[in-house]
Amino acid sequence: MSEQHQHYYVPEQSPWPIVGAVALFLIAFGAGHFVNEVTKDQPGYGGYSIVAGVVILLFMLVGWFRNVIDESMHNLYSAQMDRSFRQGMSWFIFSEVMFFGAFFGALFYARLIAVPWLDGASNNAMTAAVLWPAFEAVWPLLTTPDGTQTQAMPWQGIPLYNTLILLTSSVTLQFAHIAMEKDKRGQLKLMLFLTIALGFLFLCFQVYEYIHAYRDLGLKLDSGVYGNTFFLLTGFHGLHVTLGAMFLTVIFLRILLKNHFSAHKHFAFQAAAWYWHFVDVVWLCLFVFVYVL
């Protein structure tokens, strides 16, 4: 490996940002059309657009990860670059906090302001009578304006199991981190594998929960404000769990197949761990405010 750079390393021009932008556009475009097709029961190309976007996104991730790993293993990064990576990951997680903060804000607005307002609170009885005469200010809101009935997802069962799964995964990941710092490779591989397995188990349970919601509870994305907030919050969290599991899987394969990282140089592992712990904290908030309260 070449000598470590003492100055700031400027990488070559990369096509991966534009490739990633195209992939995200196709996913967003396809998701919008897919939801419209499902609600109107009309065939379309939304699903194909999502699949194409996901394939391109995976291609981008593999290529970009490969380039960054090669640069790191050839000691092209200086101490300044390492600090830049840490700052970048910190700001990325902060942006994710703001992302979920917006959705939680929408949930609190619906529960604490919009629902009481529709019930005639704050001297709006006349307006409430015109908009929705038979409305009752209860949460979860299980009746839509057209009279459609649904059921709330209870916190017992799958949501509780998933909470225990994610909490356990944070513990196993912390043990993996300790093993990394003590250069215990066997313990590191075992604990990291268990963390990844628990992450994918969480996703399997969430898929089953969605099937149960649609088939048995009548809870769908178009089931009023409760269905909207439930699926948006839990769905975006599931997407973040998927990304976190992918990050950890890449780290695990690097450790298992290439014997990468050392006790003093393992920021990629740390970044993935930060992200995973963040995802776990978000789920705890979801469990309390979406399922329990």
Protein backbone atom coordinates (compact mmCIF):
# COMPACT_ATOMS: atom_id res chain seq x y z
CA MET A 1 0.00 0.00 0.00
CA SER A 2 1.16 3.51 -0.75
CA GLU A 3 2.20 6.00 1.88
CA GLN A 4 -0.62 7.77 3.64
CA HIS A 5 -1.37 11.23 2.28
CA GLN A 6 -0.53 14.14 4.57
CA HIS A 7 -2.74 16.60 2.71
CA TYR A 8 -6.41 16.63 1.83
CA TYR A 9 -7.19 13.96 -0.75
CA VAL A 10 -9.32 15.05 -3.71
CA PRO A 11 -10.82 12.02 -5.47
CA GLU A 12 -11.28 11.82 -9.21
CA GLN A 13 -14.55 12.80 -10.84
CA SER A 14 -17.17 10.13 -10.21
CA PRO A 15 -20.31 9.16 -12.15
CA TRP A 16 -21.96 7.64 -9.06
CA PRO A 17 -23.80 10.74 -7.75
CA ILE A 18 -25.73 11.19 -11.00
CA VAL A 19 -26.38 7.44 -11.21
CA GLY A 20 -27.77 7.53 -7.67
CA ALA A 21 -29.93 10.55 -8.52
CA VAL A 22 -31.43 8.71 -11.49
CA ALA A 23 -32.12 5.67 -9.30
CA LEU A 24 -33.85 7.72 -6.60
CA PHE A 25 -35.91 9.55 -9.21
CA LEU A 26 -37.13 6.26 -10.68
CA ILE A 27 -37.99 4.93 -7.20
CA ALA A 28 -39.91 8.08 -6.22
CA PHE A 29 -41.63 8.32 -9.60
CA GLY A 30 -42.57 4.65 -9.54
CA ALA A 31 -43.76 4.76 -5.92
CA GLY A 32 -46.11 7.64 -6.65
CA HIS A 33 -47.61 5.87 -9.65
CA PHE A 34 -47.73 2.52 -7.86
CA VAL A 35 -49.77 3.92 -4.96
CA ASN A 36 -52.16 5.54 -7.43
CA GLU A 37 -52.49 2.29 -9.36
CA VAL A 38 -53.21 0.26 -6.21
CA THR A 39 -55.85 2.66 -4.87
CA LYS A 40 -57.61 2.83 -8.26
CA ASP A 41 -57.01 -0.86 -9.05
CA GLN A 42 -55.48 0.01 -12.42
CA PRO A 43 -52.46 -1.72 -14.01
CA GLY A 44 -49.47 0.44 -14.77
CA TYR A 45 -45.72 0.77 -14.84
CA GLY A 46 -45.13 2.06 -11.31
CA GLY A 47 -43.85 -1.29 -10.05
CA TYR A 48 -41.46 -1.65 -13.00
CA SER A 49 -40.08 1.83 -12.32
CA ILE A 50 -39.46 0.95 -8.66
CA VAL A 51 -37.65 -2.27 -9.61
CA ALA A 52 -35.50 -0.44 -12.17
CA GLY A 53 -34.65 2.23 -9.61
CA VAL A 54 -33.69 -0.33 -6.97
CA VAL A 55 -31.47 -2.22 -9.43
CA ILE A 56 -29.69 0.98 -10.48
CA LEU A 57 -29.35 2.02 -6.84
CA LEU A 58 -27.73 -1.29 -5.90
CA PHE A 59 -25.39 -0.96 -8.89
CA MET A 60 -24.45 2.54 -7.70
CA LEU A 61 -23.85 1.39 -4.13
CA VAL A 62 -21.60 -1.48 -5.21
CA GLY A 63 -19.55 0.74 -7.50
CA TRP A 64 -19.25 3.64 -5.07
CA PHE A 65 -18.46 1.41 -2.10
CA ARG A 66 -15.78 -0.35 -4.16
CA ASN A 67 -14.11 2.95 -5.04
CA VAL A 68 -14.15 4.26 -1.47
CA ILE A 69 -12.86 0.96 -0.07
CA ASP A 70 -10.01 0.90 -2.59
CA GLU A 71 -9.03 4.47 -1.70
CA SER A 72 -9.09 3.68 2.01
CA MET A 73 -7.07 0.48 1.67
CA HIS A 74 -4.42 2.34 -0.34
CA ASN A 75 -4.04 4.89 2.49
CA LEU A 76 -5.15 7.81 0.34
CA TYR A 77 -7.05 9.40 3.23
CA SER A 78 -5.37 11.79 5.65
CA ALA A 79 -6.42 12.68 9.20
CA GLN A 80 -8.33 15.66 7.79
CA MET A 81 -10.23 13.35 5.46
CA ASP A 82 -11.09 11.10 8.39
CA ARG A 83 -12.54 14.07 10.26
CA SER A 84 -14.50 15.02 7.15
CA PHE A 85 -16.02 11.54 7.02
CA ARG A 86 -17.05 11.77 10.66
CA GLN A 87 -18.58 15.21 10.18
CA GLY A 88 -20.35 14.05 7.04
CA MET A 89 -21.86 11.02 8.76
CA SER A 90 -22.90 13.14 11.73
CA TRP A 91 -24.70 15.65 9.50
CA PHE A 92 -26.29 12.83 7.52
CA ILE A 93 -27.78 11.33 10.68
CA PHE A 94 -28.90 14.82 11.76
CA SER A 95 -30.73 15.21 8.43
CA GLU A 96 -32.42 11.88 9.08
CA VAL A 97 -33.49 13.13 12.51
CA MET A 98 -35.12 16.12 10.80
CA PHE A 99 -36.72 13.80 8.24
CA PHE A 100 -38.45 11.72 10.88
CA GLY A 101 -39.11 14.85 12.93
CA ALA A 102 -41.32 16.11 10.09
CA PHE A 103 -43.38 12.91 10.09
CA PHE A 104 -43.69 12.87 13.87
CA GLY A 105 -44.71 16.52 13.67
CA ALA A 106 -47.48 15.60 11.22
CA LEU A 107 -48.62 12.85 13.60
CA PHE A 108 -48.72 15.21 16.60
CA TYR A 109 -50.50 17.88 14.54
CA ALA A 110 -53.20 15.42 13.51
CA ARG A 111 -53.69 14.09 17.02
CA LEU A 112 -53.44 17.29 19.07
CA ILE A 113 -54.76 19.98 16.70
CA ALA A 114 -56.65 18.68 13.66
CA VAL A 115 -58.72 15.97 15.36
CA PRO A 116 -59.93 18.18 18.27
CA TRP A 117 -60.64 20.99 15.80
CA LEU A 118 -62.89 18.76 13.68
CA ASP A 119 -64.82 17.81 16.82
CA GLY A 120 -65.83 21.41 17.33
CA ALA A 121 -63.19 22.35 19.89
CA SER A 122 -61.99 25.97 20.11
CA ASN A 123 -65.39 27.42 19.09
CA ASN A 124 -65.40 25.66 15.71
CA ALA A 125 -68.65 23.77 16.24
CA MET A 126 -70.31 25.27 13.16
CA THR A 127 -67.34 24.42 10.91
CA ALA A 128 -67.11 20.90 12.33
CA ALA A 129 -70.82 20.34 11.75
CA VAL A 130 -70.43 21.28 8.09
CA LEU A 131 -67.24 19.31 7.43
CA TRP A 132 -68.02 16.09 9.31
CA PRO A 133 -71.23 16.11 11.40
CA ALA A 134 -70.83 12.62 12.90
CA PHE A 135 -67.16 13.01 13.77
CA GLU A 136 -65.85 11.92 17.19
CA ALA A 137 -62.44 13.15 18.41
CA VAL A 138 -60.76 9.85 19.26
CA TRP A 139 -57.38 8.42 18.35
CA PRO A 140 -56.66 6.27 16.50
CA LEU A 141 -59.15 7.61 13.98
CA LEU A 142 -60.73 4.42 12.65
CA THR A 143 -63.57 5.91 10.57
CA THR A 144 -62.95 7.87 7.37
CA PRO A 145 -65.30 10.61 6.08
CA ASP A 146 -66.86 8.16 3.59
CA GLY A 147 -67.72 5.78 6.44
CA THR A 148 -65.00 3.20 5.85
CA GLN A 149 -64.11 1.31 9.03
CA THR A 150 -60.69 -0.04 9.95
CA GLN A 151 -58.92 -1.37 13.03
CA ALA A 152 -55.87 -0.13 14.89
CA MET A 153 -52.67 -2.14 15.02
CA PRO A 154 -52.18 -3.23 18.67
CA TRP A 155 -48.80 -2.80 20.31
CA GLN A 156 -48.80 -6.37 21.58
CA GLY A 157 -47.57 -9.14 19.33
CA ILE A 158 -45.42 -8.28 16.33
CA PRO A 159 -44.66 -4.62 17.28
CA LEU A 160 -43.50 -5.72 20.73
CA TYR A 161 -41.43 -8.57 19.26
CA ASN A 162 -39.82 -6.17 16.79
CA THR A 163 -38.98 -3.78 19.61
CA LEU A 164 -37.21 -6.54 21.51
CA ILE A 165 -35.44 -7.63 18.31
CA LEU A 166 -34.04 -4.17 17.58
CA LEU A 167 -33.02 -3.57 21.18
CA THR A 168 -31.19 -6.90 21.17
CA SER A 169 -29.51 -6.01 17.87
CA SER A 170 -28.13 -2.82 19.41
CA VAL A 171 -26.65 -4.87 22.25
CA THR A 172 -25.03 -7.39 19.89
CA LEU A 173 -23.67 -4.55 17.75
CA GLN A 174 -22.14 -2.92 20.81
CA PHE A 175 -20.47 -6.22 21.71
CA ALA A 176 -19.16 -6.37 18.13
CA HIS A 177 -17.76 -2.85 18.51
CA ILE A 178 -16.01 -3.80 21.75
CA ALA A 179 -14.59 -6.90 20.04
CA MET A 180 -13.32 -4.70 17.17
CA GLU A 181 -11.50 -2.38 19.59
CA LYS A 182 -9.95 -5.39 21.39
CA ASP A 183 -9.09 -7.11 18.09
CA LYS A 184 -11.16 -10.21 18.93
CA ARG A 185 -12.05 -11.23 15.38
CA GLY A 186 -14.08 -14.31 16.29
CA GLN A 187 -16.37 -12.44 18.66
CA LEU A 188 -16.60 -9.59 16.17
CA LYS A 189 -17.81 -11.86 13.37
CA LEU A 190 -20.33 -13.65 15.57
CA MET A 191 -21.85 -10.52 17.11
CA LEU A 192 -22.00 -8.70 13.78
CA PHE A 193 -23.66 -11.70 12.11
CA LEU A 194 -26.26 -11.85 14.88
CA THR A 195 -26.95 -8.13 14.46
CA ILE A 196 -27.54 -8.53 10.73
CA ALA A 197 -29.73 -11.61 11.27
CA LEU A 198 -31.86 -9.73 13.81
CA GLY A 199 -32.20 -6.83 11.39
CA PHE A 200 -33.54 -9.02 8.61
CA LEU A 201 -35.78 -10.85 11.09
CA PHE A 202 -37.27 -7.47 12.00
CA LEU A 203 -38.00 -6.82 8.31
CA CYS A 204 -39.65 -10.23 7.91
CA PHE A 205 -41.93 -9.51 10.85
CA GLN A 206 -42.78 -6.10 9.43
CA VAL A 207 -43.78 -7.61 6.09
CA TYR A 208 -46.02 -10.06 7.95
CA GLU A 209 -47.46 -7.15 9.96
CA TYR A 210 -48.36 -5.30 6.77
CA ILE A 211 -50.04 -8.38 5.34
CA HIS A 212 -52.00 -8.78 8.58
CA ALA A 213 -52.98 -5.09 8.51
CA TYR A 214 -54.29 -5.24 4.94
CA ARG A 215 -55.93 -8.66 5.10
CA ASP A 216 -57.33 -8.86 8.63
CA LEU A 217 -57.62 -5.31 9.99
CA GLY A 218 -58.62 -3.40 6.88
CA LEU A 219 -55.79 -0.99 7.65
CA LYS A 220 -54.44 0.45 4.41
CA LEU A 221 -52.52 3.46 3.19
CA ASP A 222 -55.78 5.16 2.20
CA SER A 223 -57.49 4.42 5.54
CA GLY A 224 -57.69 8.05 6.57
CA VAL A 225 -55.08 9.99 8.54
CA TYR A 226 -54.36 7.06 10.85
CA GLY A 227 -53.51 4.74 7.96
CA ASN A 228 -51.44 7.47 6.30
CA THR A 229 -49.31 8.19 9.36
CA PHE A 230 -48.99 4.53 10.33
CA PHE A 231 -47.67 3.34 6.98
CA LEU A 232 -45.53 6.40 6.26
CA LEU A 233 -43.74 6.28 9.60
CA THR A 234 -43.31 2.51 9.81
CA GLY A 235 -42.62 2.18 6.08
CA PHE A 236 -39.85 4.77 5.98
CA HIS A 237 -38.39 3.27 9.14
CA GLY A 238 -38.40 -0.15 7.48
CA LEU A 239 -36.55 1.38 4.52
CA HIS A 240 -33.92 2.73 6.90
CA VAL A 241 -33.59 -0.66 8.59
CA THR A 242 -33.04 -2.18 5.15
CA LEU A 243 -30.29 0.33 4.35
CA GLY A 244 -28.69 -0.18 7.77
CA ALA A 245 -28.72 -3.95 7.31
CA MET A 246 -27.09 -3.49 3.90
CA PHE A 247 -24.36 -1.31 5.41
CA LEU A 248 -23.66 -3.87 8.13
CA THR A 249 -23.66 -6.69 5.58
CA VAL A 250 -20.98 -4.91 3.52
CA ILE A 251 -18.91 -4.43 6.69
CA PHE A 252 -19.37 -8.07 7.64
CA LEU A 253 -18.26 -9.32 4.22
CA ARG A 254 -15.20 -7.07 4.34
CA ILE A 255 -14.26 -8.54 7.72
CA LEU A 256 -15.08 -12.11 6.79
CA LEU A 257 -13.56 -12.24 3.30
CA LYS A 258 -10.89 -9.53 3.26
CA ASN A 259 -9.98 -9.24 6.96
CA HIS A 260 -10.40 -5.47 6.71
CA PHE A 261 -10.32 -3.04 9.67
CA SER A 262 -8.18 -2.97 12.76
CA ALA A 263 -8.56 -1.93 16.38
CA HIS A 264 -7.40 1.61 15.53
CA LYS A 265 -8.80 2.06 12.02
CA HIS A 266 -12.45 1.11 11.52
CA PHE A 267 -14.49 4.23 10.86
CA ALA A 268 -16.66 2.48 8.26
CA PHE A 269 -17.75 0.07 10.97
CA GLN A 270 -18.38 2.97 13.36
CA ALA A 271 -20.47 4.85 10.80
CA ALA A 272 -22.66 1.81 10.16
CA ALA A 273 -23.02 1.32 13.93
CA TRP A 274 -24.04 4.97 14.45
CA TYR A 275 -26.69 4.61 11.78
CA TRP A 276 -28.01 1.36 13.25
CA HIS A 277 -28.31 2.82 16.76
CA PHE A 278 -30.12 5.82 15.29
CA VAL A 279 -32.60 3.51 13.56
CA ASP A 280 -33.20 1.73 16.86
CA VAL A 281 -33.93 5.00 18.68
CA VAL A 282 -36.40 6.02 15.98
CA TRP A 283 -38.20 2.70 16.38
CA LEU A 284 -38.56 3.22 20.13
CA CYS A 285 -40.25 6.56 19.41
CA LEU A 286 -42.46 4.87 16.82
CA PHE A 287 -43.42 2.11 19.21
CA VAL A 288 -44.48 4.58 21.89
CA PHE A 289 -46.24 7.26 19.81
CA VAL A 290 -47.70 5.14 16.97
CA TYR A 291 -48.52 1.83 18.67
CA VAL A 292 -48.87 2.40 22.43
CA LEU A 293 -50.31 5.92 22.87
